[in-house]
């Protein structure tokens, strides 16, 4: 006779395993480099393709699918999101606009390449930890050795199983100065800075903690 699993046992053995997978593999960025897995795989694929020229986004999506097993649509959406933030990806064509809500053109019509900033601060194969891709054919970075607080610069929003995260974007120059101040052991106060403008009440901000 099969062992009868209690609801508590099923929750611990099945639900938490599934939730952990979704959290770590899909929805929530790593603190070390600020990337969700799909974003990290896009950056890695673009570095492999990089020759200084623009590439069709459709080609980048195809390259990224060697590492990301969740379909071309999720890769395309994540790439447009990165491109619209105008920090890591230099864009060409109609990429839409976060201020107006306009969507980007189809991947076959728009192009991209890594920005000089990304090439300078994101990659260093000598200090990168690697793992095998989902099908065991290629290597991909576990995290990228980013030399900048990218998670705070770009902000992020992700919904997983039983968990969600939302980190506001911050001002690029203030992050640079804050990084210098931390290295000099000075106190740092940082507040969100929204690309679309606006006002915020920070009287109960609590350093971004709930």
Protein backbone atom coordinates (compact mmCIF):
# COMPACT_ATOMS: atom_id res chain seq x y z
CA UNK A 1 0.00 0.00 0.00
CA UNK A 2 1.33 3.43 -0.93
CA UNK A 3 2.31 5.85 1.81
CA UNK A 4 -0.36 8.46 2.36
CA UNK A 5 1.08 11.98 2.24
CA UNK A 6 -0.44 14.59 4.48
CA UNK A 7 -1.23 18.05 3.17
CA UNK A 8 1.66 19.38 5.25
CA UNK A 9 3.98 16.82 3.66
CA UNK A 10 2.82 17.61 0.14
CA UNK A 11 3.31 21.31 0.78
CA UNK A 12 6.84 20.81 2.05
CA UNK A 13 7.90 18.32 -0.62
CA UNK A 14 6.16 19.57 -3.75
CA UNK A 15 4.89 23.12 -3.45
CA UNK A 16 8.06 24.54 -1.90
CA UNK A 17 10.23 22.81 -4.50
CA UNK A 18 8.11 24.29 -7.28
CA UNK A 19 8.02 27.71 -5.65
CA UNK A 20 11.80 27.71 -5.21
CA UNK A 21 12.29 26.80 -8.86
CA UNK A 22 10.05 29.60 -10.09
CA UNK A 23 11.64 32.11 -7.73
CA UNK A 24 15.22 31.23 -8.61
CA UNK A 25 14.84 30.34 -12.29
CA UNK A 26 12.20 32.70 -13.59
CA UNK A 27 10.89 35.62 -11.59
CA UNK A 28 13.36 37.15 -9.15
CA UNK A 29 16.74 38.72 -9.96
CA UNK A 30 20.00 37.77 -8.28
CA UNK A 31 21.38 40.40 -5.92
CA UNK A 32 24.92 39.69 -7.19
CA UNK A 33 24.34 41.02 -10.71
CA UNK A 34 20.79 42.39 -10.73
CA UNK A 35 19.61 40.09 -13.53
CA UNK A 36 16.73 37.68 -13.80
CA UNK A 37 17.83 34.45 -15.53
CA UNK A 38 16.33 35.46 -18.89
CA UNK A 39 18.08 38.85 -18.73
CA UNK A 40 21.42 37.24 -17.86
CA UNK A 41 21.05 34.82 -20.76
CA UNK A 42 20.26 37.67 -23.16
CA UNK A 43 23.39 39.52 -22.06
CA UNK A 44 25.51 36.39 -22.39
CA UNK A 45 24.11 35.65 -25.86
CA UNK A 46 24.72 39.23 -27.00
CA UNK A 47 28.31 39.05 -25.74
CA UNK A 48 28.83 35.88 -27.78
CA UNK A 49 27.46 37.64 -30.87
CA UNK A 50 29.25 40.94 -30.29
CA UNK A 51 31.39 42.23 -33.14
CA UNK A 52 30.60 45.91 -32.69
CA UNK A 53 27.72 45.88 -35.17
CA UNK A 54 23.97 45.84 -34.61
CA UNK A 55 22.15 42.51 -34.67
CA UNK A 56 18.51 41.86 -35.44
CA UNK A 57 16.65 41.26 -32.19
CA UNK A 58 15.15 38.14 -33.76
CA UNK A 59 18.69 36.75 -34.12
CA UNK A 60 19.50 37.59 -30.50
CA UNK A 61 16.33 35.81 -29.39
CA UNK A 62 17.36 32.73 -31.36
CA UNK A 63 20.82 32.76 -29.80
CA UNK A 64 19.36 33.18 -26.31
CA UNK A 65 17.02 30.20 -26.80
CA UNK A 66 20.10 27.98 -26.56
CA UNK A 67 20.16 28.91 -22.87
CA UNK A 68 16.57 29.83 -21.99
CA UNK A 69 13.98 27.04 -22.34
CA UNK A 70 10.85 29.14 -21.85
CA UNK A 71 10.12 30.36 -25.36
CA UNK A 72 10.88 33.27 -27.65
CA UNK A 73 8.09 35.53 -26.36
CA UNK A 74 9.54 35.78 -22.85
CA UNK A 75 12.98 36.51 -24.29
CA UNK A 76 11.65 39.21 -26.62
CA UNK A 77 9.68 40.93 -23.85
CA UNK A 78 12.69 40.88 -21.51
CA UNK A 79 14.96 42.28 -24.20
CA UNK A 80 12.62 45.16 -25.00
CA UNK A 81 12.44 45.90 -21.28
CA UNK A 82 16.24 46.06 -21.08
CA UNK A 83 16.49 48.16 -24.24
CA UNK A 84 13.94 50.72 -23.08
CA UNK A 85 16.00 51.39 -19.95
CA UNK A 86 18.78 52.68 -22.22
CA UNK A 87 21.70 51.48 -20.12
CA UNK A 88 22.96 48.06 -21.21
CA UNK A 89 21.65 47.82 -24.76
CA UNK A 90 22.13 50.30 -27.59
CA UNK A 91 19.00 50.19 -29.73
CA UNK A 92 18.10 50.95 -33.33
CA UNK A 93 14.57 51.16 -34.69
CA UNK A 94 11.22 51.50 -32.95
CA UNK A 95 11.65 50.14 -29.42
CA UNK A 96 8.52 51.77 -28.03
CA UNK A 97 8.47 54.22 -25.14
CA UNK A 98 7.77 53.62 -21.44
CA UNK A 99 6.56 57.22 -21.08
CA UNK A 100 3.79 56.88 -23.66
CA UNK A 101 3.11 53.16 -23.39
CA UNK A 102 3.94 52.59 -27.06
CA UNK A 103 5.06 49.03 -27.76
CA UNK A 104 8.16 48.06 -29.71
CA UNK A 105 8.12 46.89 -33.31
CA UNK A 106 8.44 43.19 -34.11
CA UNK A 107 11.87 41.62 -33.36
CA UNK A 108 12.64 41.23 -37.07
CA UNK A 109 12.45 45.01 -37.54
CA UNK A 110 14.56 46.28 -34.63
CA UNK A 111 18.25 45.90 -33.86
CA UNK A 112 20.51 45.97 -30.83
CA UNK A 113 24.07 45.71 -29.60
CA UNK A 114 25.71 45.90 -26.20
CA UNK A 115 26.39 49.41 -24.96
CA UNK A 116 29.93 50.51 -24.13
CA UNK A 117 28.83 50.66 -20.50
CA UNK A 118 27.72 47.01 -20.58
CA UNK A 119 30.95 45.87 -22.21
CA UNK A 120 32.93 47.70 -19.54
CA UNK A 121 31.10 46.72 -16.35
CA UNK A 122 29.16 43.48 -16.95
CA UNK A 123 31.61 40.90 -18.31
CA UNK A 124 34.81 39.26 -17.10
CA UNK A 125 35.14 35.57 -18.00
CA UNK A 126 38.13 35.11 -15.68
CA UNK A 127 36.03 35.66 -12.54
CA UNK A 128 32.70 34.30 -13.79
CA UNK A 129 31.16 31.14 -12.33
CA UNK A 130 29.72 28.88 -15.03
CA UNK A 131 27.10 26.16 -15.23
CA UNK A 132 25.79 23.92 -17.99
CA UNK A 133 22.77 25.08 -19.96
CA UNK A 134 19.41 23.35 -19.56
CA UNK A 135 20.20 20.74 -22.24
CA UNK A 136 23.84 20.22 -21.24
CA UNK A 137 25.21 21.45 -24.57
CA UNK A 138 26.66 24.84 -23.63
CA UNK A 139 28.01 26.80 -20.68
CA UNK A 140 26.25 29.83 -19.26
CA UNK A 141 27.14 32.18 -16.38
CA UNK A 142 25.66 31.49 -12.96
CA UNK A 143 25.90 35.22 -12.29
CA UNK A 144 27.78 37.97 -14.10
CA UNK A 145 30.54 39.95 -12.32
CA UNK A 146 28.82 43.33 -12.63
CA UNK A 147 30.88 46.24 -11.27
CA UNK A 148 27.87 48.47 -10.65
CA UNK A 149 24.69 48.25 -8.49
CA UNK A 150 22.58 47.35 -11.50
CA UNK A 151 19.63 46.07 -9.48
CA UNK A 152 19.14 49.52 -7.96
CA UNK A 153 19.78 51.36 -11.23
CA UNK A 154 17.23 49.49 -13.33
CA UNK A 155 14.72 48.48 -10.70
CA UNK A 156 12.75 45.28 -11.07
CA UNK A 157 9.32 43.79 -10.63
CA UNK A 158 8.70 40.07 -10.44
CA UNK A 159 5.90 37.77 -9.30
CA UNK A 160 6.68 34.19 -8.30
CA UNK A 161 4.83 31.47 -6.38
CA UNK A 162 4.01 32.82 -2.95
CA UNK A 163 6.51 35.65 -3.32
CA UNK A 164 6.90 38.90 -5.21
CA UNK A 165 9.55 41.57 -5.46
CA UNK A 166 9.49 45.21 -6.47
CA UNK A 167 12.57 47.40 -6.38
CA UNK A 168 12.36 50.99 -7.58
CA UNK A 169 14.89 52.39 -10.08
CA UNK A 170 17.49 54.84 -8.79
CA UNK A 171 19.48 57.71 -10.28
CA UNK A 172 22.66 56.66 -12.11
CA UNK A 173 24.85 59.49 -10.80
CA UNK A 174 23.60 59.10 -7.25
CA UNK A 175 24.44 55.39 -7.37
CA UNK A 176 27.98 56.15 -8.58
CA UNK A 177 28.48 58.68 -5.79
CA UNK A 178 26.88 56.33 -3.27
CA UNK A 179 29.25 53.53 -4.30
CA UNK A 180 32.23 55.85 -3.76
CA UNK A 181 30.87 56.92 -0.37
CA UNK A 182 30.42 53.31 0.75
CA UNK A 183 34.01 52.49 -0.23
CA UNK A 184 35.08 55.48 1.87
CA UNK A 185 32.92 54.21 4.76
CA UNK A 186 30.53 57.15 4.65
CA UNK A 187 26.81 57.02 5.38
CA UNK A 188 24.68 56.82 2.24
CA UNK A 189 21.02 57.71 1.72
CA UNK A 190 19.46 56.75 -1.59
CA UNK A 191 15.90 57.29 -2.76
CA UNK A 192 14.12 56.11 -5.93
CA UNK A 193 14.29 58.17 -9.09
CA UNK A 194 11.64 57.53 -11.73
CA UNK A 195 12.51 57.79 -15.45
CA UNK A 196 9.04 59.12 -16.24
CA UNK A 197 9.22 61.85 -13.58
CA UNK A 198 6.82 62.53 -10.74
CA UNK A 199 6.78 63.24 -7.01
CA UNK A 200 7.08 60.79 -4.11
CA UNK A 201 6.54 61.06 -0.36
CA UNK A 202 9.62 59.49 1.28
CA UNK A 203 8.76 60.34 4.89
CA UNK A 204 8.08 56.64 5.63
CA UNK A 205 10.38 55.13 3.01
CA UNK A 206 12.33 52.93 5.49
CA UNK A 207 15.17 52.34 3.01
CA UNK A 208 12.77 50.53 0.70
CA UNK A 209 11.82 47.85 3.23
CA UNK A 210 8.16 46.97 3.81
